[in-house]
């Protein structure tokens, strides 16, 4: 096994959840199990290829569990593992900071946030 060296521990975090889509996928999975089609519908700008790739990487890292149901037509769902749930406070902090950033940069967060279930939760809390 090759020993990896990091300059700072946040590099290890970003290696697992970094990039444009992984945190978004994880935020959706905090709402419960999702099929690939559910995730794609909630993230219309991601390509199917990228979604599949990101889910596979998260699964390999033990963050996401892929559940295959033995039925016709085939059914596959994704959910957070226990280890994946340990990221929830980080995801919540990123969302809170992002909301503050949007308000700072654009004033009205509702003018730039998409109308989806994740943003409705943020509106209800605040």
Protein backbone atom coordinates (compact mmCIF):
# COMPACT_ATOMS: atom_id res chain seq x y z
CA UNK A 1 0.00 0.00 0.00
CA UNK A 2 1.30 3.42 -0.98
CA UNK A 3 1.47 5.87 1.90
CA UNK A 4 -0.16 9.16 1.07
CA UNK A 5 1.06 12.46 2.47
CA UNK A 6 -1.10 15.52 2.95
CA UNK A 7 0.08 19.05 3.74
CA UNK A 8 -3.08 19.72 5.72
CA UNK A 9 -5.97 17.46 6.73
CA UNK A 10 -8.56 19.39 4.71
CA UNK A 11 -6.89 17.91 1.62
CA UNK A 12 -8.09 14.47 2.71
CA UNK A 13 -11.63 15.81 3.10
CA UNK A 14 -11.60 17.47 -0.31
CA UNK A 15 -10.20 14.32 -1.88
CA UNK A 16 -13.40 12.55 -0.84
CA UNK A 17 -16.09 15.26 -1.19
CA UNK A 18 -14.38 17.87 -3.38
CA UNK A 19 -15.55 18.95 -6.79
CA UNK A 20 -18.67 20.56 -8.10
CA UNK A 21 -21.19 17.78 -7.51
CA UNK A 22 -20.33 15.51 -4.59
CA UNK A 23 -21.57 17.81 -1.83
CA UNK A 24 -24.75 18.50 -3.79
CA UNK A 25 -25.37 14.75 -4.14
CA UNK A 26 -24.69 14.25 -0.45
CA UNK A 27 -27.08 17.05 0.55
CA UNK A 28 -29.85 15.39 -1.45
CA UNK A 29 -29.10 12.04 0.16
CA UNK A 30 -29.51 13.57 3.63
CA UNK A 31 -33.20 13.67 2.70
CA UNK A 32 -33.26 9.87 2.35
CA UNK A 33 -32.70 7.17 -0.25
CA UNK A 34 -32.72 8.34 -3.84
CA UNK A 35 -32.77 6.65 -7.20
CA UNK A 36 -30.40 7.92 -9.86
CA UNK A 37 -33.37 9.46 -11.70
CA UNK A 38 -34.37 11.37 -8.53
CA UNK A 39 -30.88 12.81 -8.19
CA UNK A 40 -30.76 13.70 -11.88
CA UNK A 41 -34.13 15.46 -11.63
CA UNK A 42 -32.91 17.45 -8.60
CA UNK A 43 -29.63 18.34 -10.33
CA UNK A 44 -30.60 19.06 -13.95
CA UNK A 45 -27.18 20.51 -14.88
CA UNK A 46 -25.24 17.33 -14.10
CA UNK A 47 -24.72 14.85 -16.91
CA UNK A 48 -25.73 11.23 -16.42
CA UNK A 49 -22.11 10.19 -16.91
CA UNK A 50 -20.85 12.60 -14.23
CA UNK A 51 -23.61 11.59 -11.80
CA UNK A 52 -22.74 7.91 -12.21
CA UNK A 53 -19.02 8.63 -11.80
CA UNK A 54 -19.53 10.71 -8.66
CA UNK A 55 -21.83 8.10 -7.10
CA UNK A 56 -19.28 5.36 -7.82
CA UNK A 57 -16.48 7.37 -6.22
CA UNK A 58 -18.60 8.11 -3.14
CA UNK A 59 -19.47 4.42 -2.92
CA UNK A 60 -15.79 3.42 -3.20
CA UNK A 61 -14.95 5.83 -0.38
CA UNK A 62 -17.63 4.30 1.86
CA UNK A 63 -19.76 7.45 1.94
CA UNK A 64 -22.69 6.13 -0.09
CA UNK A 65 -24.30 2.70 -0.23
CA UNK A 66 -25.75 1.38 -3.48
CA UNK A 67 -28.82 -0.79 -2.94
CA UNK A 68 -29.83 -3.09 -5.80
CA UNK A 69 -33.31 -4.59 -5.65
CA UNK A 70 -33.87 -7.96 -7.30
CA UNK A 71 -36.84 -7.05 -9.47
CA UNK A 72 -37.87 -6.37 -13.03
CA UNK A 73 -37.34 -3.68 -14.13
CA UNK A 74 -34.16 -3.28 -12.05
CA UNK A 75 -34.28 -0.78 -9.21
CA UNK A 76 -31.22 0.85 -7.65
CA UNK A 77 -31.20 3.35 -4.80
CA UNK A 78 -28.45 5.24 -3.03
CA UNK A 79 -28.26 6.19 0.62
CA UNK A 80 -25.67 7.58 3.00
CA UNK A 81 -23.69 5.09 5.04
CA UNK A 82 -23.13 5.69 8.74
CA UNK A 83 -19.73 7.10 7.75
CA UNK A 84 -21.46 9.30 5.17
CA UNK A 85 -23.83 10.67 7.81
CA UNK A 86 -20.78 11.91 9.73
CA UNK A 87 -20.45 14.55 6.97
CA UNK A 88 -23.86 16.11 7.79
CA UNK A 89 -22.46 18.87 10.06
CA UNK A 90 -19.95 19.80 7.36
CA UNK A 91 -22.67 19.91 4.70
CA UNK A 92 -24.91 22.01 6.96
CA UNK A 93 -22.04 24.45 7.57
CA UNK A 94 -21.33 24.71 3.83
CA UNK A 95 -25.01 25.44 3.13
CA UNK A 96 -25.18 28.09 5.85
CA UNK A 97 -22.03 29.80 4.58
CA UNK A 98 -23.31 29.63 1.00
CA UNK A 99 -26.56 31.28 1.99
CA UNK A 100 -24.70 34.11 3.74
CA UNK A 101 -22.46 34.49 0.69
CA UNK A 102 -25.46 34.69 -1.65
CA UNK A 103 -27.05 37.38 0.51
CA UNK A 104 -23.76 39.32 0.65
CA UNK A 105 -23.22 39.13 -3.11
CA UNK A 106 -26.77 39.31 -4.47
CA UNK A 107 -28.92 40.68 -1.66
CA UNK A 108 -32.01 38.61 -2.29
CA UNK A 109 -31.26 34.91 -1.90
CA UNK A 110 -34.62 33.96 -3.40
CA UNK A 111 -33.64 35.65 -6.67
CA UNK A 112 -30.71 33.27 -7.19
CA UNK A 113 -31.65 30.06 -5.35
CA UNK A 114 -33.54 27.42 -7.33
CA UNK A 115 -36.93 26.40 -6.01
CA UNK A 116 -36.24 22.94 -4.59
CA UNK A 117 -36.77 20.97 -1.41
CA UNK A 118 -33.30 21.70 0.00
CA UNK A 119 -33.84 25.44 -0.27
CA UNK A 120 -37.33 25.20 1.24
CA UNK A 121 -35.74 23.63 4.33
CA UNK A 122 -33.29 26.51 4.59
CA UNK A 123 -36.15 29.01 4.28
CA UNK A 124 -38.17 27.30 7.01
CA UNK A 125 -35.25 27.24 9.44
CA UNK A 126 -34.39 30.90 9.07
